[in-house]
Protein backbone atom coordinates (compact mmCIF):
# COMPACT_ATOMS: atom_id res chain seq x y z
CA MET A 1 7.11 15.45 2.01
CA ASN A 2 4.18 17.38 3.10
CA THR A 3 3.93 16.55 6.70
CA LYS A 4 -0.07 18.31 6.75
CA LYS A 5 -1.39 16.29 4.04
CA GLN A 6 0.22 12.94 5.68
CA LEU A 7 -1.27 13.99 8.35
CA GLY A 8 -4.76 15.05 6.56
CA VAL A 9 -4.37 11.36 5.05
CA PHE A 10 -3.99 9.46 8.84
CA ALA A 11 -7.10 12.04 9.83
CA ILE A 12 -9.20 10.34 7.54
CA LEU A 13 -8.30 6.76 8.52
CA LEU A 14 -9.13 8.16 11.74
CA GLY A 15 -12.17 9.21 11.20
CA VAL A 16 -13.40 6.19 9.04
CA TYR A 17 -12.14 4.00 12.08
CA MET A 18 -14.51 6.32 14.46
CA LEU A 19 -17.67 6.09 12.44
CA LEU A 20 -16.78 2.86 11.92
CA ALA A 21 -17.14 1.67 16.01
CA LEU A 22 -19.97 3.53 16.44
CA VAL A 23 -21.78 2.14 13.25
CA THR A 24 -21.06 -1.64 14.92
CA TYR A 25 -22.48 0.00 17.96
CA LEU A 26 -25.48 1.20 16.49
CA PHE A 27 -26.56 -0.90 14.28
CA ILE A 28 -24.88 -4.27 14.35
CA PRO A 29 -27.20 -6.87 17.18
CA PHE A 30 -25.44 -7.47 19.90
CA GLU A 31 -25.59 -11.52 19.27
CA GLN A 32 -22.88 -11.16 16.47
CA LEU A 33 -21.13 -8.85 18.82
CA THR A 34 -20.89 -11.15 21.57
CA ALA A 35 -20.94 -14.55 19.75
CA GLY A 36 -23.48 -15.69 21.70
CA THR A 37 -22.40 -15.50 25.06
CA SER A 38 -24.05 -13.30 28.13
CA ILE A 39 -23.84 -9.50 28.07
CA PRO A 40 -23.15 -8.04 31.09
CA VAL A 41 -26.17 -6.35 32.93
CA GLN A 42 -23.86 -2.86 33.28
CA VAL A 43 -23.25 -3.00 29.61
CA ALA A 44 -26.99 -3.73 28.51
CA VAL A 45 -28.71 -1.04 30.23
CA ILE A 46 -26.01 1.50 28.52
CA PRO A 47 -27.39 3.26 25.28
CA ARG A 48 -25.97 1.60 22.29
CA TRP A 49 -25.22 5.48 21.16
CA GLN A 50 -23.30 6.04 24.06
CA LEU A 51 -21.63 2.75 24.00
CA GLY A 52 -20.30 3.89 20.79
CA LEU A 53 -19.38 7.29 21.11
CA VAL A 54 -17.02 6.27 24.17
CA SER A 55 -15.42 3.64 21.57
CA ALA A 56 -15.14 6.15 19.19
CA THR A 57 -13.94 8.71 21.68
CA GLY A 58 -11.29 6.04 23.27
CA ILE A 59 -10.16 5.67 19.10
CA LEU A 60 -9.40 9.03 18.71
CA VAL A 61 -7.42 9.52 22.08
CA ILE A 62 -5.23 6.08 22.04
CA TYR A 63 -4.96 5.81 18.24
CA GLY A 64 -4.78 8.59 16.94
CA LEU A 65 -1.78 9.79 19.94
CA MET A 66 0.00 5.88 18.33
CA GLY A 67 -0.56 7.40 14.59
CA LEU A 68 0.87 10.55 15.20
CA ALA A 69 3.94 8.67 17.02
CA GLY A 70 3.93 6.44 14.06
CA ASN A 71 4.35 9.29 11.66
CA TRP A 72 7.30 10.73 13.67
CA PHE A 73 8.93 7.68 13.68
CA ALA A 74 8.84 7.51 9.98
CA ARG A 75 10.21 10.58 9.24
CA LYS A 76 13.07 9.98 11.59
CA LEU A 77 13.32 6.44 9.69
CA LYS A 78 12.81 8.08 6.14
CA ILE A 79 9.97 5.97 5.17
CA PRO A 80 7.05 6.84 3.90
CA GLN A 81 4.21 8.02 6.72
CA THR A 82 0.65 7.21 5.90
CA TYR A 83 1.11 6.86 2.38
CA HIS A 84 3.91 7.16 -0.50
CA ALA A 85 3.84 10.38 -2.22
CA GLY A 86 3.99 10.72 -5.83
CA ALA A 87 3.47 6.73 -6.16
CA GLY A 88 0.78 6.49 -7.42
CA TRP A 89 -3.09 4.67 -7.49
CA LYS A 90 -0.94 1.32 -7.86
CA ALA A 91 1.00 1.53 -4.61
CA TRP A 92 -2.30 2.65 -2.14
CA LEU A 93 -4.85 0.10 -4.09
CA LEU A 94 -3.35 -1.95 -6.87
CA TRP A 95 -0.86 -4.13 -5.27
CA PRO A 96 -2.36 -3.88 -1.84
CA LEU A 97 -5.51 -5.61 -3.34
CA LEU A 98 -3.84 -8.13 -5.08
CA LEU A 99 -1.49 -9.12 -2.40
CA GLY A 100 -3.82 -9.06 -0.03
CA ILE A 101 -6.24 -11.74 -2.08
CA VAL A 102 -3.51 -13.68 -2.65
CA LEU A 103 -2.73 -14.17 1.27
CA GLY A 104 -6.50 -14.98 1.83
CA VAL A 105 -6.15 -17.36 -0.69
CA LEU A 106 -2.99 -18.92 1.10
CA PHE A 107 -4.67 -18.74 4.74
CA VAL A 108 -7.32 -20.66 3.01
CA VAL A 109 -5.51 -23.09 1.77
CA ILE A 110 -3.20 -23.34 5.12
CA GLU A 111 -6.86 -24.27 7.11
CA ARG A 112 -7.98 -26.45 4.43
CA SER A 113 -4.55 -28.29 4.46
CA LEU A 114 -4.13 -28.44 8.61
CA ILE A 115 -8.01 -29.29 8.74
CA ALA A 116 -7.38 -32.45 6.17
CA SER A 117 -4.23 -33.41 8.53
CA GLY A 118 -6.53 -33.95 10.96
CA MET A 119 -5.19 -31.19 13.21
CA GLY A 120 -8.53 -29.52 13.92
CA VAL A 121 -11.99 -27.97 12.50
CA GLY A 122 -11.05 -24.50 11.45
CA PHE A 123 -10.37 -21.37 12.39
CA PRO A 124 -13.49 -19.25 14.35
CA HIS A 125 -14.26 -15.77 12.32
CA PRO A 126 -16.53 -13.08 12.84
CA ALA A 127 -20.23 -13.82 12.18
CA PHE A 128 -21.77 -11.94 9.14
CA PRO A 129 -22.41 -9.02 8.44
CA PHE A 130 -20.03 -7.91 10.97
CA SER A 131 -17.44 -9.38 9.34
CA ILE A 132 -16.83 -7.08 7.03
CA ILE A 133 -16.89 -3.90 9.43
CA ALA A 134 -14.85 -6.35 11.21
CA SER A 135 -12.40 -6.40 8.86
CA ALA A 136 -12.41 -2.78 7.40
CA THR A 137 -11.62 -1.82 11.32
CA ALA A 138 -8.73 -4.21 12.03
CA GLY A 139 -7.32 -2.82 9.23
CA ILE A 140 -7.42 0.43 10.22
CA GLY A 141 -6.55 -0.06 13.83
CA GLU A 142 -4.50 -3.15 13.74
CA GLU A 143 -1.98 -1.60 11.46
CA ILE A 144 -1.83 1.92 13.21
CA LEU A 145 -0.90 -0.45 16.29
CA ALA A 146 1.05 -2.94 14.81
CA ARG A 147 3.36 -1.08 11.83
CA SER A 148 2.75 2.39 12.22
CA PHE A 149 3.65 2.09 16.26
CA ILE A 150 5.00 -1.29 17.38
CA MET A 151 7.27 -1.76 13.91
CA GLY A 152 8.14 1.79 14.16
CA LEU A 153 9.07 2.25 17.08
CA TRP A 154 11.70 -0.51 17.64
CA ALA A 155 13.14 0.41 14.18
CA PHE A 156 13.62 3.66 15.58
CA LEU A 157 15.31 2.37 19.04
CA LEU A 158 17.32 -0.12 16.84
CA ASN A 159 18.33 2.46 13.73
CA LEU A 160 19.62 4.34 16.78
CA ILE A 161 22.28 1.34 17.47
CA LEU A 162 22.78 0.15 14.11
CA ARG A 163 23.01 3.98 12.33
CA ARG A 164 26.58 4.16 12.64
CA TRP A 165 27.07 0.85 10.37
CA LYS A 166 24.41 2.49 8.33
CA ALA A 167 21.51 -0.01 8.67
CA THR A 168 18.38 0.70 8.75
CA GLN A 169 17.08 -1.25 6.74
CA VAL A 170 18.27 -4.33 9.29
CA ALA A 171 16.45 -2.22 11.75
CA LEU A 172 13.80 -2.05 9.75
CA TRP A 173 12.84 -5.57 9.23
CA ALA A 174 14.08 -6.37 12.93
CA GLY A 175 11.08 -3.97 14.00
CA ASN A 176 8.47 -5.77 11.12
CA VAL A 177 9.39 -9.29 12.68
CA ILE A 178 8.62 -7.94 16.17
CA ALA A 179 6.10 -6.42 15.09
CA ALA A 180 4.56 -9.85 13.44
CA LEU A 181 4.86 -11.54 16.61
CA ALA A 182 3.45 -9.21 18.61
CA PHE A 183 0.24 -8.87 15.69
CA SER A 184 -0.26 -12.31 16.44
CA ALA A 185 -0.41 -12.36 20.19
CA THR A 186 -3.01 -9.62 20.41
CA HIS A 187 -5.06 -11.83 18.54
CA ILE A 188 -4.84 -14.30 21.79
CA PRO A 189 -7.82 -12.18 23.37
CA ALA A 190 -10.20 -12.44 20.10
CA VAL A 191 -9.82 -15.92 19.75
CA MET A 192 -10.58 -16.56 23.43
CA TYR A 193 -13.71 -14.85 22.93
CA LEU A 194 -14.63 -16.18 19.70
CA LEU A 195 -14.49 -19.61 21.25
CA GLN A 196 -15.78 -18.60 24.90
CA VAL A 197 -12.67 -19.99 26.54
CA SER A 198 -11.27 -18.15 29.93
CA SER A 199 -7.72 -18.72 28.91
CA PRO A 200 -5.23 -19.45 26.29
CA ALA A 201 -4.43 -23.09 27.61
CA GLN A 202 -8.05 -23.86 26.34
CA ILE A 203 -7.57 -22.50 22.87
CA PRO A 204 -6.77 -25.65 20.70
CA VAL A 205 -2.62 -26.26 19.95
CA PHE A 206 -3.66 -26.20 16.44
CA ILE A 207 -5.84 -22.92 16.71
CA LEU A 208 -2.84 -21.37 18.36
CA LEU A 209 -0.20 -22.65 15.57
CA GLU A 210 -2.96 -20.77 12.84
CA VAL A 211 -2.96 -17.44 14.62
CA PHE A 212 0.69 -17.36 14.77
CA LEU A 213 1.44 -18.73 11.68
CA LEU A 214 -1.36 -16.77 9.36
CA ASN A 215 -0.94 -13.65 11.73
CA GLY A 216 2.91 -13.68 11.42
CA ILE A 217 2.80 -14.02 7.11
CA LEU A 218 0.53 -11.08 6.75
CA GLY A 219 2.34 -8.60 9.51
CA LEU A 220 4.77 -9.82 7.71
CA ALA A 221 3.36 -8.79 4.05
CA ALA A 222 1.91 -5.70 5.42
CA GLY A 223 5.03 -3.98 7.22
CA GLU A 224 6.83 -4.89 3.87
CA ARG A 225 3.99 -2.59 2.10
CA TYR A 226 4.23 0.03 4.90
CA MET A 227 7.92 0.70 4.44
CA ARG A 228 7.62 0.36 1.23
CA ASP A 229 4.43 2.73 0.47
CA GLY A 230 2.85 3.95 4.03
CA LEU A 231 0.49 3.22 6.20
CA VAL A 232 -2.84 2.88 3.29
CA ALA A 233 -0.87 0.90 1.77
CA ALA A 234 -0.44 -1.46 4.62
CA VAL A 235 -4.02 -0.88 5.68
CA GLY A 236 -4.71 -2.19 2.01
CA VAL A 237 -3.25 -5.46 2.47
CA HIS A 238 -5.08 -6.45 5.33
CA PHE A 239 -8.18 -5.23 4.72
CA TRP A 240 -8.35 -7.36 1.70
CA ALA A 241 -6.70 -10.65 3.09
CA ASP A 242 -9.79 -10.48 5.63
CA ILE A 243 -12.05 -10.07 3.47
CA VAL A 244 -11.33 -13.12 1.30
CA TRP A 245 -9.86 -14.92 4.93
CA HIS A 246 -13.09 -13.57 6.98
CA VAL A 247 -15.94 -12.73 4.77
CA ILE A 248 -15.72 -14.91 1.30
CA TYR A 249 -14.25 -17.95 2.53
CA PRO A 250 -16.92 -18.63 5.54
CA LEU A 251 -19.90 -18.09 2.98
CA ILE A 252 -18.30 -19.87 0.45
CA ALA A 253 -18.24 -22.79 3.60
CA SER A 254 -21.36 -21.99 4.32
CA ALA A 255 -22.96 -22.53 1.24
CA LEU A 256 -20.95 -25.55 0.37
CA SER A 257 -21.99 -27.21 3.71
CA SER A 258 -25.56 -27.28 3.14
CA LEU A 259 -25.81 -28.39 0.01
């Protein structure tokens, strides 16, 4: 396994993430970024290019370090790092695309079922076209955090305990479950932001259920791809699921409601 090539592909992913963060601050209206909430005066007076550079720098430092740690964990666990060398384009494009689409459609079906049962009015989604960039940034950033770092860390630690029984797969799947739960929990602040509430207790129960159910399913699926084909495959699953769930579905629902 060529570590330099693995890190090179990771550097490309990180660079795309930084560029998207910069583009977000330069070109996306604040109204879309803040979901209609008021912008603090201290933030409003700062030039947007400076906010973008600060965000990109933070990504470089924080996510770069987490990604480097995740690559090290993957080497120790003997699983693909950024990509599965020799697996071909199906591993990093086709299967993540198909799985992501299936998951996105499943999420729509689950939400429509919850709505039909009277458990609420639906999950909040980012505004279009910011939803496209949000899907891409979430796909990269959240997979570095949840799969590469959190899952890798826990699988590595558990493998230290279980390796005498040669139970690396048990350690990997336990790490996958832990990462999926953490991944779900990290979405609570974003939901509070979109719903404009100040406490998790103010989030409707059905939305909390949806957050943990949908993100848990996505996390486990992305984790399985990560174990099999590396970070690029996990990012692909996440991105395409979000495109269906956060971009295509809201646009279709909006179009139908206006008829």
